[in-house]
Amino acid sequence: MKKAQVVLNVILVVLIAILFFLHFSGRKKQCIATANCSATKDSIGAKHSVIAYVELDSLNSQVTFIRDRKTELDGEQKGIENDYENSYRQLEAEKNNFLKRGSAITQPEAEAFQEKLVQQQQQVEADKQSRSQKLAEKGAKIMGDVQEKLKDFLNDYNKDKKYTYILATGTGLDYMFYKDSTLNITNDIVKGLNDKMNNSK
């Protein structure tokens, strides 16, 4: 009797799995051609979620507004690094010129020069730290602006598409173990954002 019950339970589980598969694979076939699936309700009114995703690496490299801001920040970062290295080269040159005097340098002169050199090094470090902090604040402000523009655009974009969720994926934040490429809306977003930014200029 128990064996018959176990067999019956296994058959029921298999049948439910088949029904589940048939129900959701039919939905996927409808969506697969365009990646423009919207959240829908089935025959009993239960809502089905539809998820799309955007590749942030592509946005960073292909959306002109984002790429220009990134280039601007990179340029300022390189400027800070170059100024820092030039300042240290200057200090090194000053030290070498001082040491050329050799035995003519007195103990008080050596101590005074050493103290001055340490102060100059501290000033170079403080300048770099101050400029780097200002650049980080500017970068955070730019990122906030980019995120706001992206959210505004996605709100408009999704009025027609009706995705339940739009996820971000990319280097360092790729937590999705599987991605159906038919749900990749990156190209739409790149084109739409570029068009919107060009029109707003």
N, C-alpha and C. Protein backbone atom coordinates (compact mmCIF):
# COMPACT_ATOMS: atom_id res chain seq x y z
N MET A 1 0.82 -1.19 0.00
CA MET A 1 0.00 0.00 0.00
C MET A 1 0.87 1.26 0.00
N LYS A 2 1.93 1.26 0.87
CA LYS A 2 2.80 2.41 0.95
C LYS A 2 3.57 2.62 -0.35
N LYS A 3 3.99 1.53 -0.99
CA LYS A 3 4.71 1.63 -2.25
C LYS A 3 3.84 2.26 -3.31
N ALA A 4 2.58 1.88 -3.35
CA ALA A 4 1.65 2.44 -4.33
C ALA A 4 1.46 3.93 -4.09
N GLN A 5 1.43 4.33 -2.83
CA GLN A 5 1.26 5.74 -2.49
C GLN A 5 2.49 6.55 -2.94
N VAL A 6 3.68 6.01 -2.71
CA VAL A 6 4.93 6.67 -3.12
C VAL A 6 4.96 6.84 -4.63
N VAL A 7 4.60 5.75 -5.36
CA VAL A 7 4.59 5.80 -6.83
C VAL A 7 3.60 6.86 -7.31
N LEU A 8 2.43 6.90 -6.69
CA LEU A 8 1.41 7.87 -7.06
C LEU A 8 1.90 9.30 -6.82
N ASN A 9 2.56 9.54 -5.69
CA ASN A 9 3.12 10.86 -5.37
C ASN A 9 4.18 11.28 -6.39
N VAL A 10 5.04 10.34 -6.78
CA VAL A 10 6.08 10.63 -7.77
C VAL A 10 5.44 11.02 -9.10
N ILE A 11 4.41 10.27 -9.52
CA ILE A 11 3.72 10.57 -10.78
C ILE A 11 3.09 11.96 -10.72
N LEU A 12 2.47 12.30 -9.59
CA LEU A 12 1.85 13.61 -9.44
C LEU A 12 2.89 14.73 -9.53
N VAL A 13 4.03 14.54 -8.88
CA VAL A 13 5.11 15.55 -8.92
C VAL A 13 5.59 15.73 -10.36
N VAL A 14 5.78 14.63 -11.09
CA VAL A 14 6.23 14.71 -12.48
C VAL A 14 5.20 15.45 -13.34
N LEU A 15 3.92 15.13 -13.15
CA LEU A 15 2.87 15.80 -13.93
C LEU A 15 2.81 17.30 -13.64
N ILE A 16 2.95 17.66 -12.36
CA ILE A 16 2.96 19.08 -12.01
C ILE A 16 4.15 19.78 -12.65
N ALA A 17 5.32 19.12 -12.63
CA ALA A 17 6.52 19.71 -13.24
C ALA A 17 6.32 19.91 -14.74
N ILE A 18 5.70 18.94 -15.40
CA ILE A 18 5.45 19.06 -16.84
C ILE A 18 4.48 20.20 -17.13
N LEU A 19 3.40 20.30 -16.34
CA LEU A 19 2.45 21.40 -16.52
C LEU A 19 3.11 22.75 -16.29
N PHE A 20 3.92 22.83 -15.26
CA PHE A 20 4.64 24.06 -14.95
C PHE A 20 5.53 24.46 -16.13
N PHE A 21 6.28 23.47 -16.65
CA PHE A 21 7.18 23.72 -17.78
C PHE A 21 6.40 24.18 -19.01
N LEU A 22 5.32 23.49 -19.33
CA LEU A 22 4.53 23.85 -20.52
C LEU A 22 3.92 25.24 -20.38
N HIS A 23 3.46 25.57 -19.20
CA HIS A 23 2.84 26.88 -18.98
C HIS A 23 3.85 28.01 -19.21
N PHE A 24 5.05 27.86 -18.60
CA PHE A 24 6.02 28.96 -18.69
C PHE A 24 6.83 28.92 -19.97
N SER A 25 7.02 27.78 -20.59
CA SER A 25 7.76 27.76 -21.86
C SER A 25 6.93 28.40 -22.96
N GLY A 26 5.61 28.29 -22.89
CA GLY A 26 4.74 28.97 -23.86
C GLY A 26 4.90 30.47 -23.76
N ARG A 27 5.01 31.00 -22.54
CA ARG A 27 5.21 32.44 -22.33
C ARG A 27 6.54 32.88 -22.90
N LYS A 28 7.58 32.05 -22.71
CA LYS A 28 8.91 32.42 -23.19
C LYS A 28 8.92 32.49 -24.72
N LYS A 29 8.23 31.55 -25.39
CA LYS A 29 8.21 31.57 -26.85
C LYS A 29 7.58 32.84 -27.38
N GLN A 30 6.56 33.35 -26.67
CA GLN A 30 5.93 34.59 -27.11
C GLN A 30 6.92 35.75 -26.99
N CYS A 31 7.77 35.72 -25.97
CA CYS A 31 8.66 36.84 -25.69
C CYS A 31 9.96 36.80 -26.47
N ILE A 32 10.37 35.58 -26.88
CA ILE A 32 11.73 35.39 -27.34
C ILE A 32 12.09 36.20 -28.59
N ALA A 33 11.14 36.49 -29.44
CA ALA A 33 11.44 37.15 -30.70
C ALA A 33 11.88 38.60 -30.53
N THR A 34 11.35 39.31 -29.55
CA THR A 34 11.59 40.75 -29.48
C THR A 34 12.22 41.25 -28.21
N ALA A 35 12.22 40.49 -27.15
CA ALA A 35 12.66 40.93 -25.82
C ALA A 35 11.81 42.09 -25.32
N ASN A 36 10.60 42.22 -25.85
CA ASN A 36 9.69 43.28 -25.42
C ASN A 36 8.53 42.70 -24.63
N CYS A 37 8.82 41.74 -23.77
CA CYS A 37 7.77 41.11 -22.98
C CYS A 37 7.31 42.08 -21.91
N SER A 38 6.04 42.06 -21.63
CA SER A 38 5.54 42.88 -20.53
C SER A 38 4.89 41.98 -19.50
N ALA A 39 4.75 42.51 -18.28
CA ALA A 39 4.11 41.72 -17.24
C ALA A 39 2.66 41.46 -17.63
N THR A 40 2.24 40.21 -17.55
CA THR A 40 0.88 39.86 -17.96
C THR A 40 0.20 39.06 -16.87
N LYS A 41 -1.08 38.83 -17.05
CA LYS A 41 -1.83 37.99 -16.12
C LYS A 41 -2.27 36.73 -16.86
N ASP A 42 -2.28 35.63 -16.12
CA ASP A 42 -2.74 34.40 -16.75
C ASP A 42 -4.26 34.29 -16.63
N SER A 43 -4.80 33.11 -16.99
CA SER A 43 -6.26 32.95 -17.06
C SER A 43 -6.95 33.11 -15.71
N ILE A 44 -6.21 32.93 -14.61
CA ILE A 44 -6.85 33.10 -13.30
C ILE A 44 -6.48 34.45 -12.68
N GLY A 45 -5.82 35.33 -13.44
CA GLY A 45 -5.54 36.69 -12.99
C GLY A 45 -4.25 36.85 -12.21
N ALA A 46 -3.40 35.81 -12.12
CA ALA A 46 -2.13 35.94 -11.41
C ALA A 46 -1.13 36.67 -12.30
N LYS A 47 -0.45 37.64 -11.73
CA LYS A 47 0.49 38.44 -12.52
C LYS A 47 1.83 37.72 -12.64
N HIS A 48 2.39 37.72 -13.85
CA HIS A 48 3.70 37.13 -14.09
C HIS A 48 4.71 38.26 -14.24
N SER A 49 5.82 38.15 -13.55
CA SER A 49 6.87 39.16 -13.64
C SER A 49 7.71 38.93 -14.88
N VAL A 50 8.11 40.03 -15.51
CA VAL A 50 9.04 39.94 -16.64
C VAL A 50 10.24 40.81 -16.31
N ILE A 51 11.39 40.22 -16.43
CA ILE A 51 12.63 40.88 -16.04
C ILE A 51 13.48 41.13 -17.28
N ALA A 52 14.06 42.33 -17.35
CA ALA A 52 15.02 42.66 -18.40
C ALA A 52 16.30 43.10 -17.70
N TYR A 53 17.40 43.16 -18.46
CA TYR A 53 18.63 43.64 -17.83
C TYR A 53 19.39 44.55 -18.79
N VAL A 54 20.24 45.38 -18.18
CA VAL A 54 21.06 46.34 -18.92
C VAL A 54 22.52 46.11 -18.54
N GLU A 55 23.40 46.09 -19.52
CA GLU A 55 24.83 45.91 -19.26
C GLU A 55 25.46 47.29 -19.01
N LEU A 56 25.90 47.52 -17.78
CA LEU A 56 26.46 48.82 -17.43
C LEU A 56 27.76 49.12 -18.17
N ASP A 57 28.56 48.09 -18.45
CA ASP A 57 29.81 48.31 -19.19
C ASP A 57 29.52 48.93 -20.55
N SER A 58 28.46 48.44 -21.20
CA SER A 58 28.08 48.99 -22.51
C SER A 58 27.58 50.43 -22.38
N LEU A 59 26.81 50.71 -21.33
CA LEU A 59 26.35 52.09 -21.12
C LEU A 59 27.55 53.01 -20.94
N ASN A 60 28.51 52.59 -20.12
CA ASN A 60 29.69 53.43 -19.85
C ASN A 60 30.50 53.71 -21.11
N SER A 61 30.54 52.74 -22.02
CA SER A 61 31.38 52.92 -23.20
C SER A 61 30.62 53.49 -24.41
N GLN A 62 29.28 53.36 -24.43
CA GLN A 62 28.54 53.75 -25.63
C GLN A 62 27.61 54.95 -25.47
N VAL A 63 27.23 55.29 -24.24
CA VAL A 63 26.38 56.46 -24.05
C VAL A 63 27.29 57.69 -23.96
N THR A 64 27.14 58.60 -24.90
CA THR A 64 28.05 59.74 -25.02
C THR A 64 28.14 60.55 -23.74
N PHE A 65 27.01 60.85 -23.12
CA PHE A 65 26.99 61.65 -21.90
C PHE A 65 27.85 61.00 -20.80
N ILE A 66 27.68 59.70 -20.60
CA ILE A 66 28.43 58.98 -19.56
C ILE A 66 29.90 58.91 -19.93
N ARG A 67 30.18 58.59 -21.19
CA ARG A 67 31.57 58.46 -21.65
C ARG A 67 32.32 59.79 -21.50
N ASP A 68 31.65 60.91 -21.82
CA ASP A 68 32.29 62.23 -21.70
C ASP A 68 32.61 62.57 -20.25
N ARG A 69 31.65 62.25 -19.35
CA ARG A 69 31.90 62.53 -17.92
C ARG A 69 33.07 61.69 -17.41
N LYS A 70 33.12 60.42 -17.85
CA LYS A 70 34.20 59.53 -17.41
C LYS A 70 35.55 60.02 -17.93
N THR A 71 35.58 60.46 -19.19
CA THR A 71 36.81 61.00 -19.78
C THR A 71 37.27 62.24 -19.01
N GLU A 72 36.31 63.08 -18.66
CA GLU A 72 36.61 64.30 -17.89
C GLU A 72 37.25 63.94 -16.54
N LEU A 73 36.65 62.99 -15.83
CA LEU A 73 37.18 62.59 -14.53
C LEU A 73 38.56 61.93 -14.66
N ASP A 74 38.71 61.08 -15.69
CA ASP A 74 40.01 60.43 -15.91
C ASP A 74 41.09 61.46 -16.20
N GLY A 75 40.75 62.49 -17.00
CA GLY A 75 41.70 63.55 -17.33
C GLY A 75 42.14 64.31 -16.08
N GLU A 76 41.18 64.61 -15.21
CA GLU A 76 41.52 65.32 -13.96
C GLU A 76 42.38 64.45 -13.05
N GLN A 77 42.07 63.15 -13.01
CA GLN A 77 42.87 62.24 -12.18
C GLN A 77 44.30 62.17 -12.69
N LYS A 78 44.48 62.12 -14.01
CA LYS A 78 45.83 62.09 -14.59
C LYS A 78 46.56 63.39 -14.29
N GLY A 79 45.82 64.52 -14.33
CA GLY A 79 46.42 65.82 -14.00
C GLY A 79 46.95 65.84 -12.57
N ILE A 80 46.17 65.30 -11.65
CA ILE A 80 46.61 65.24 -10.25
C ILE A 80 47.87 64.39 -10.12
N GLU A 81 47.87 63.22 -10.78
CA GLU A 81 49.04 62.33 -10.72
C GLU A 81 50.27 62.98 -11.33
N ASN A 82 50.09 63.65 -12.48
CA ASN A 82 51.23 64.31 -13.14
C ASN A 82 51.81 65.43 -12.27
N ASP A 83 50.92 66.26 -11.69
CA ASP A 83 51.39 67.34 -10.82
C ASP A 83 52.13 66.79 -9.61
N TYR A 84 51.63 65.70 -9.06
CA TYR A 84 52.26 65.06 -7.90
C TYR A 84 53.67 64.58 -8.25
N GLU A 85 53.77 63.88 -9.38
CA GLU A 85 55.08 63.37 -9.80
C GLU A 85 56.05 64.51 -10.12
N ASN A 86 55.55 65.57 -10.79
CA ASN A 86 56.41 66.72 -11.11
C ASN A 86 56.91 67.41 -9.85
N SER A 87 56.03 67.54 -8.85
CA SER A 87 56.44 68.17 -7.58
C SER A 87 57.54 67.37 -6.91
N TYR A 88 57.41 66.04 -6.93
CA TYR A 88 58.45 65.22 -6.31
C TYR A 88 59.76 65.27 -7.11
N ARG A 89 59.65 65.38 -8.43
CA ARG A 89 60.87 65.53 -9.24
C ARG A 89 61.59 66.84 -8.91
N GLN A 90 60.77 67.90 -8.71
CA GLN A 90 61.35 69.19 -8.35
C GLN A 90 62.07 69.12 -7.00
N LEU A 91 61.43 68.47 -6.05
CA LEU A 91 62.05 68.33 -4.73
C LEU A 91 63.34 67.52 -4.82
N GLU A 92 63.31 66.49 -5.64
CA GLU A 92 64.51 65.66 -5.83
C GLU A 92 65.64 66.49 -6.46
N ALA A 93 65.28 67.32 -7.44
CA ALA A 93 66.28 68.19 -8.09
C ALA A 93 66.85 69.19 -7.08
N GLU A 94 66.00 69.78 -6.23
CA GLU A 94 66.46 70.72 -5.20
C GLU A 94 67.43 70.03 -4.24
N LYS A 95 67.08 68.81 -3.85
CA LYS A 95 67.95 68.06 -2.93
C LYS A 95 69.30 67.78 -3.58
N ASN A 96 69.29 67.35 -4.86
CA ASN A 96 70.54 67.05 -5.56
C ASN A 96 71.41 68.30 -5.70
N ASN A 97 70.77 69.45 -6.01
CA ASN A 97 71.53 70.71 -6.13
C ASN A 97 72.15 71.09 -4.79
N PHE A 98 71.40 70.88 -3.73
CA PHE A 98 71.93 71.20 -2.39
C PHE A 98 73.12 70.32 -2.04
N LEU A 99 72.98 69.01 -2.36
CA LEU A 99 74.05 68.06 -2.01
C LEU A 99 75.31 68.26 -2.84
N LYS A 100 75.18 68.94 -3.99
CA LYS A 100 76.36 69.20 -4.84
C LYS A 100 77.39 70.08 -4.12
N ARG A 101 76.94 70.81 -3.14
CA ARG A 101 77.85 71.69 -2.39
C ARG A 101 78.81 70.86 -1.54
N GLY A 102 78.47 69.62 -1.32
CA GLY A 102 79.35 68.69 -0.61
C GLY A 102 79.75 69.14 0.77
N SER A 103 81.07 69.18 1.00
CA SER A 103 81.60 69.49 2.34
C SER A 103 81.38 70.94 2.74
N ALA A 104 80.96 71.78 1.79
CA ALA A 104 80.73 73.20 2.12
C ALA A 104 79.43 73.38 2.93
N ILE A 105 78.62 72.33 3.01
CA ILE A 105 77.35 72.42 3.74
C ILE A 105 77.62 72.31 5.24
N THR A 106 77.12 73.28 5.98
CA THR A 106 77.27 73.25 7.44
C THR A 106 76.13 72.42 8.05
N GLN A 107 76.34 72.02 9.31
CA GLN A 107 75.33 71.23 10.02
C GLN A 107 74.00 72.00 10.12
N PRO A 108 74.01 73.29 10.52
CA PRO A 108 72.74 74.02 10.58
C PRO A 108 72.05 74.13 9.22
N GLU A 109 72.84 74.32 8.14
CA GLU A 109 72.25 74.40 6.80
C GLU A 109 71.59 73.07 6.41
N ALA A 110 72.27 71.98 6.73
CA ALA A 110 71.74 70.64 6.41
C ALA A 110 70.43 70.40 7.16
N GLU A 111 70.39 70.77 8.44
CA GLU A 111 69.18 70.58 9.23
C GLU A 111 68.03 71.45 8.73
N ALA A 112 68.38 72.71 8.38
CA ALA A 112 67.35 73.64 7.88
C ALA A 112 66.79 73.14 6.55
N PHE A 113 67.71 72.64 5.69
CA PHE A 113 67.26 72.14 4.38
C PHE A 113 66.38 70.90 4.56
N GLN A 114 66.80 70.01 5.47
CA GLN A 114 66.03 68.80 5.73
C GLN A 114 64.62 69.14 6.23
N GLU A 115 64.54 70.10 7.12
CA GLU A 115 63.24 70.52 7.66
C GLU A 115 62.36 71.11 6.56
N LYS A 116 62.99 71.95 5.73
CA LYS A 116 62.25 72.58 4.61
C LYS A 116 61.76 71.51 3.63
N LEU A 117 62.60 70.53 3.33
CA LEU A 117 62.25 69.46 2.40
C LEU A 117 61.07 68.64 2.93
N VAL A 118 61.09 68.32 4.21
CA VAL A 118 60.00 67.55 4.82
C VAL A 118 58.69 68.34 4.73
N GLN A 119 58.76 69.65 5.01
CA GLN A 119 57.56 70.50 4.92
C GLN A 119 57.01 70.54 3.49
N GLN A 120 57.93 70.64 2.51
CA GLN A 120 57.50 70.67 1.11
C GLN A 120 56.85 69.34 0.71
N GLN A 121 57.43 68.23 1.16
CA GLN A 121 56.86 66.92 0.87
C GLN A 121 55.46 66.78 1.48
N GLN A 122 55.31 67.26 2.72
CA GLN A 122 54.00 67.21 3.38
C GLN A 122 52.98 68.05 2.62
N GLN A 123 53.44 69.22 2.10
CA GLN A 123 52.54 70.09 1.34
C GLN A 123 52.11 69.41 0.04
N VAL A 124 53.06 68.74 -0.64
CA VAL A 124 52.74 68.01 -1.88
C VAL A 124 51.70 66.92 -1.60
N GLU A 125 51.90 66.17 -0.51
CA GLU A 125 50.96 65.11 -0.14
C GLU A 125 49.58 65.69 0.19
N ALA A 126 49.57 66.81 0.95
CA ALA A 126 48.30 67.43 1.34
C ALA A 126 47.56 67.95 0.12
N ASP A 127 48.30 68.56 -0.83
CA ASP A 127 47.67 69.07 -2.06
C ASP A 127 47.04 67.92 -2.85
N LYS A 128 47.78 66.82 -2.97
CA LYS A 128 47.25 65.67 -3.72
C LYS A 128 46.00 65.13 -3.04
N GLN A 129 46.06 65.00 -1.72
CA GLN A 129 44.91 64.46 -0.98
C GLN A 129 43.69 65.37 -1.13
N SER A 130 43.91 66.69 -1.03
CA SER A 130 42.81 67.65 -1.14
C SER A 130 42.18 67.59 -2.53
N ARG A 131 43.03 67.59 -3.57
CA ARG A 131 42.51 67.54 -4.95
C ARG A 131 41.81 66.22 -5.24
N SER A 132 42.36 65.12 -4.70
CA SER A 132 41.74 63.79 -4.91
C SER A 132 40.38 63.73 -4.24
N GLN A 133 40.27 64.33 -3.06
CA GLN A 133 39.00 64.34 -2.35
C GLN A 133 37.95 65.15 -3.13
N LYS A 134 38.37 66.32 -3.64
CA LYS A 134 37.44 67.14 -4.43
C LYS A 134 37.01 66.40 -5.70
N LEU A 135 37.95 65.69 -6.31
CA LEU A 135 37.62 64.92 -7.51
C LEU A 135 36.65 63.78 -7.17
N ALA A 136 36.86 63.13 -6.03
CA ALA A 136 35.95 62.05 -5.61
C ALA A 136 34.54 62.61 -5.38
N GLU A 137 34.45 63.79 -4.78
CA GLU A 137 33.14 64.42 -4.56
C GLU A 137 32.48 64.78 -5.89
N LYS A 138 33.30 65.29 -6.81
CA LYS A 138 32.78 65.61 -8.14
C LYS A 138 32.31 64.35 -8.85
N GLY A 139 33.10 63.26 -8.74
CA GLY A 139 32.73 61.99 -9.36
C GLY A 139 31.42 61.45 -8.80
N ALA A 140 31.25 61.57 -7.46
CA ALA A 140 30.02 61.09 -6.82
C ALA A 140 28.82 61.91 -7.31
N LYS A 141 29.03 63.21 -7.48
CA LYS A 141 27.94 64.08 -7.96
C LYS A 141 27.57 63.71 -9.41
N ILE A 142 28.59 63.48 -10.23
CA ILE A 142 28.35 63.09 -11.63
C ILE A 142 27.62 61.75 -11.68
N MET A 143 28.06 60.78 -10.85
CA MET A 143 27.41 59.47 -10.84
C MET A 143 25.95 59.59 -10.40
N GLY A 144 25.71 60.44 -9.40
CA GLY A 144 24.33 60.68 -8.96
C GLY A 144 23.49 61.25 -10.09
N ASP A 145 24.07 62.18 -10.85
CA ASP A 145 23.38 62.79 -11.99
C ASP A 145 23.09 61.75 -13.07
N VAL A 146 24.09 60.91 -13.36
CA VAL A 146 23.92 59.85 -14.37
C VAL A 146 22.82 58.88 -13.93
N GLN A 147 22.84 58.47 -12.66
CA GLN A 147 21.82 57.53 -12.16
C GLN A 147 20.43 58.14 -12.24
N GLU A 148 20.32 59.43 -11.91
CA GLU A 148 19.03 60.10 -11.97
C GLU A 148 18.51 60.14 -13.41
N LYS A 149 19.40 60.49 -14.34
CA LYS A 149 19.01 60.54 -15.75
C LYS A 149 18.60 59.14 -16.25
N LEU A 150 19.36 58.13 -15.82
CA LEU A 150 19.05 56.75 -16.24
C LEU A 150 17.70 56.30 -15.68
N LYS A 151 17.45 56.59 -14.41
CA LYS A 151 16.16 56.21 -13.81
C LYS A 151 15.00 56.93 -14.49
N ASP A 152 15.18 58.24 -14.75
CA ASP A 152 14.12 59.00 -15.45
C ASP A 152 13.84 58.40 -16.82
N PHE A 153 14.93 58.07 -17.53
CA PHE A 153 14.76 57.50 -18.87
C PHE A 153 14.07 56.14 -18.79
N LEU A 154 14.48 55.29 -17.84
CA LEU A 154 13.89 53.96 -17.73
C LEU A 154 12.42 54.03 -17.32
N ASN A 155 12.06 55.02 -16.51
CA ASN A 155 10.64 55.21 -16.16
C ASN A 155 9.82 55.48 -17.42
N ASP A 156 10.32 56.37 -18.29
CA ASP A 156 9.62 56.67 -19.55
C ASP A 156 9.63 55.45 -20.48
N TYR A 157 10.80 54.84 -20.60
CA TYR A 157 10.98 53.68 -21.49
C TYR A 157 10.02 52.55 -21.10
N ASN A 158 9.85 52.34 -19.81
CA ASN A 158 9.09 51.20 -19.33
C ASN A 158 7.57 51.42 -19.34
N LYS A 159 7.12 52.63 -19.69
CA LYS A 159 5.67 52.87 -19.76
C LYS A 159 5.03 51.96 -20.81
N ASP A 160 5.74 51.76 -21.93
CA ASP A 160 5.23 50.87 -22.99
C ASP A 160 5.62 49.41 -22.74
N LYS A 161 6.84 49.20 -22.27
CA LYS A 161 7.36 47.83 -22.15
C LYS A 161 6.74 47.09 -20.97
N LYS A 162 6.52 47.79 -19.87
CA LYS A 162 5.91 47.22 -18.67
C LYS A 162 6.70 46.05 -18.07
N TYR A 163 8.03 46.20 -18.03
CA TYR A 163 8.83 45.21 -17.31
C TYR A 163 8.56 45.35 -15.81
N THR A 164 8.59 44.25 -15.11
CA THR A 164 8.42 44.31 -13.66
C THR A 164 9.71 44.76 -13.00
N TYR A 165 10.84 44.26 -13.50
CA TYR A 165 12.16 44.64 -13.00
C TYR A 165 13.10 44.86 -14.17
N ILE A 166 13.98 45.86 -14.03
CA ILE A 166 15.09 46.03 -14.96
C ILE A 166 16.35 46.01 -14.11
N LEU A 167 17.18 44.99 -14.31
CA LEU A 167 18.38 44.80 -13.50
C LEU A 167 19.60 45.35 -14.22
N ALA A 168 20.63 45.63 -13.44
CA ALA A 168 21.92 46.06 -14.00
C ALA A 168 22.90 44.91 -13.86
N THR A 169 23.72 44.72 -14.88
CA THR A 169 24.76 43.70 -14.84
C THR A 169 26.03 44.32 -15.40
N GLY A 170 27.16 43.78 -15.02
CA GLY A 170 28.43 44.33 -15.51
C GLY A 170 29.60 43.85 -14.68
N THR A 171 30.79 44.31 -15.04
CA THR A 171 32.00 43.90 -14.35
C THR A 171 31.92 44.26 -12.88
N GLY A 172 32.15 43.27 -12.03
CA GLY A 172 32.17 43.52 -10.60
C GLY A 172 30.81 43.44 -9.92
N LEU A 173 29.71 43.38 -10.70
CA LEU A 173 28.40 43.25 -10.06
C LEU A 173 27.51 42.28 -10.81
N ASP A 174 28.12 41.28 -11.38
CA ASP A 174 27.37 40.30 -12.15
C ASP A 174 26.96 39.14 -11.25
N TYR A 175 25.82 39.28 -10.57
CA TYR A 175 25.37 38.27 -9.63
C TYR A 175 24.34 37.33 -10.24
N MET A 176 24.04 37.50 -11.52
CA MET A 176 23.09 36.61 -12.18
C MET A 176 23.86 35.42 -12.74
N PHE A 177 23.46 34.24 -12.34
CA PHE A 177 24.16 33.04 -12.80
C PHE A 177 23.77 32.65 -14.22
N TYR A 178 22.63 33.13 -14.65
CA TYR A 178 22.18 32.86 -16.01
C TYR A 178 21.46 34.09 -16.53
N LYS A 179 21.75 34.44 -17.78
CA LYS A 179 21.07 35.56 -18.42
C LYS A 179 20.57 35.12 -19.78
N ASP A 180 19.29 35.27 -20.02
CA ASP A 180 18.72 34.99 -21.33
C ASP A 180 18.95 36.22 -22.18
N SER A 181 19.77 36.10 -23.22
CA SER A 181 20.16 37.27 -24.01
C SER A 181 18.98 37.94 -24.71
N THR A 182 17.85 37.23 -24.83
CA THR A 182 16.69 37.87 -25.45
C THR A 182 16.08 38.93 -24.54
N LEU A 183 16.47 38.93 -23.26
CA LEU A 183 15.97 39.94 -22.32
C LEU A 183 16.95 41.09 -22.12
N ASN A 184 17.99 41.12 -22.95
CA ASN A 184 18.99 42.19 -22.87
C ASN A 184 18.47 43.41 -23.62
N ILE A 185 18.19 44.50 -22.91
CA ILE A 185 17.63 45.70 -23.54
C ILE A 185 18.68 46.81 -23.64
N THR A 186 19.97 46.46 -23.51
CA THR A 186 21.04 47.45 -23.48
C THR A 186 21.04 48.33 -24.72
N ASN A 187 20.92 47.74 -25.91
CA ASN A 187 20.98 48.54 -27.14
C ASN A 187 19.86 49.58 -27.19
N ASP A 188 18.67 49.18 -26.76
CA ASP A 188 17.56 50.14 -26.70
C ASP A 188 17.89 51.30 -25.78
N ILE A 189 18.46 50.98 -24.62
CA ILE A 189 18.76 52.01 -23.62
C ILE A 189 19.87 52.93 -24.11
N VAL A 190 20.92 52.35 -24.71
CA VAL A 190 22.02 53.17 -25.25
C VAL A 190 21.49 54.15 -26.28
N LYS A 191 20.71 53.64 -27.23
CA LYS A 191 20.17 54.50 -28.29
C LYS A 191 19.25 55.57 -27.70
N GLY A 192 18.36 55.15 -26.81
CA GLY A 192 17.41 56.09 -26.23
C GLY A 192 18.08 57.17 -25.41
N LEU A 193 19.07 56.78 -24.60
CA LEU A 193 19.78 57.77 -23.79
C LEU A 193 20.56 58.75 -24.65
N ASN A 194 21.25 58.23 -25.66
CA ASN A 194 22.02 59.10 -26.56
C ASN A 194 21.08 60.10 -27.26
N ASP A 195 19.94 59.60 -27.74
CA ASP A 195 18.97 60.49 -28.41
C ASP A 195 18.46 61.55 -27.45
N LYS A 196 18.13 61.12 -26.22
CA LYS A 196 17.61 62.06 -25.23
C LYS A 196 18.62 63.13 -24.87
N MET A 197 19.88 62.72 -24.64
CA MET A 197 20.94 63.66 -24.26
C MET A 197 21.25 64.63 -25.41
N ASN A 198 21.27 64.10 -26.64
CA ASN A 198 21.53 64.99 -27.79
C ASN A 198 20.42 66.01 -27.96
N ASN A 199 19.17 65.59 -27.74
CA ASN A 199 18.03 66.51 -27.88
C ASN A 199 18.04 67.56 -26.77
N SER A 200 18.51 67.15 -25.56
CA SER A 200 18.49 68.10 -24.45
C SER A 200 19.58 69.15 -24.58
N LYS A 201 20.62 68.87 -25.41
CA LYS A 201 21.66 69.89 -25.65
C LYS A 201 21.10 71.03 -26.45
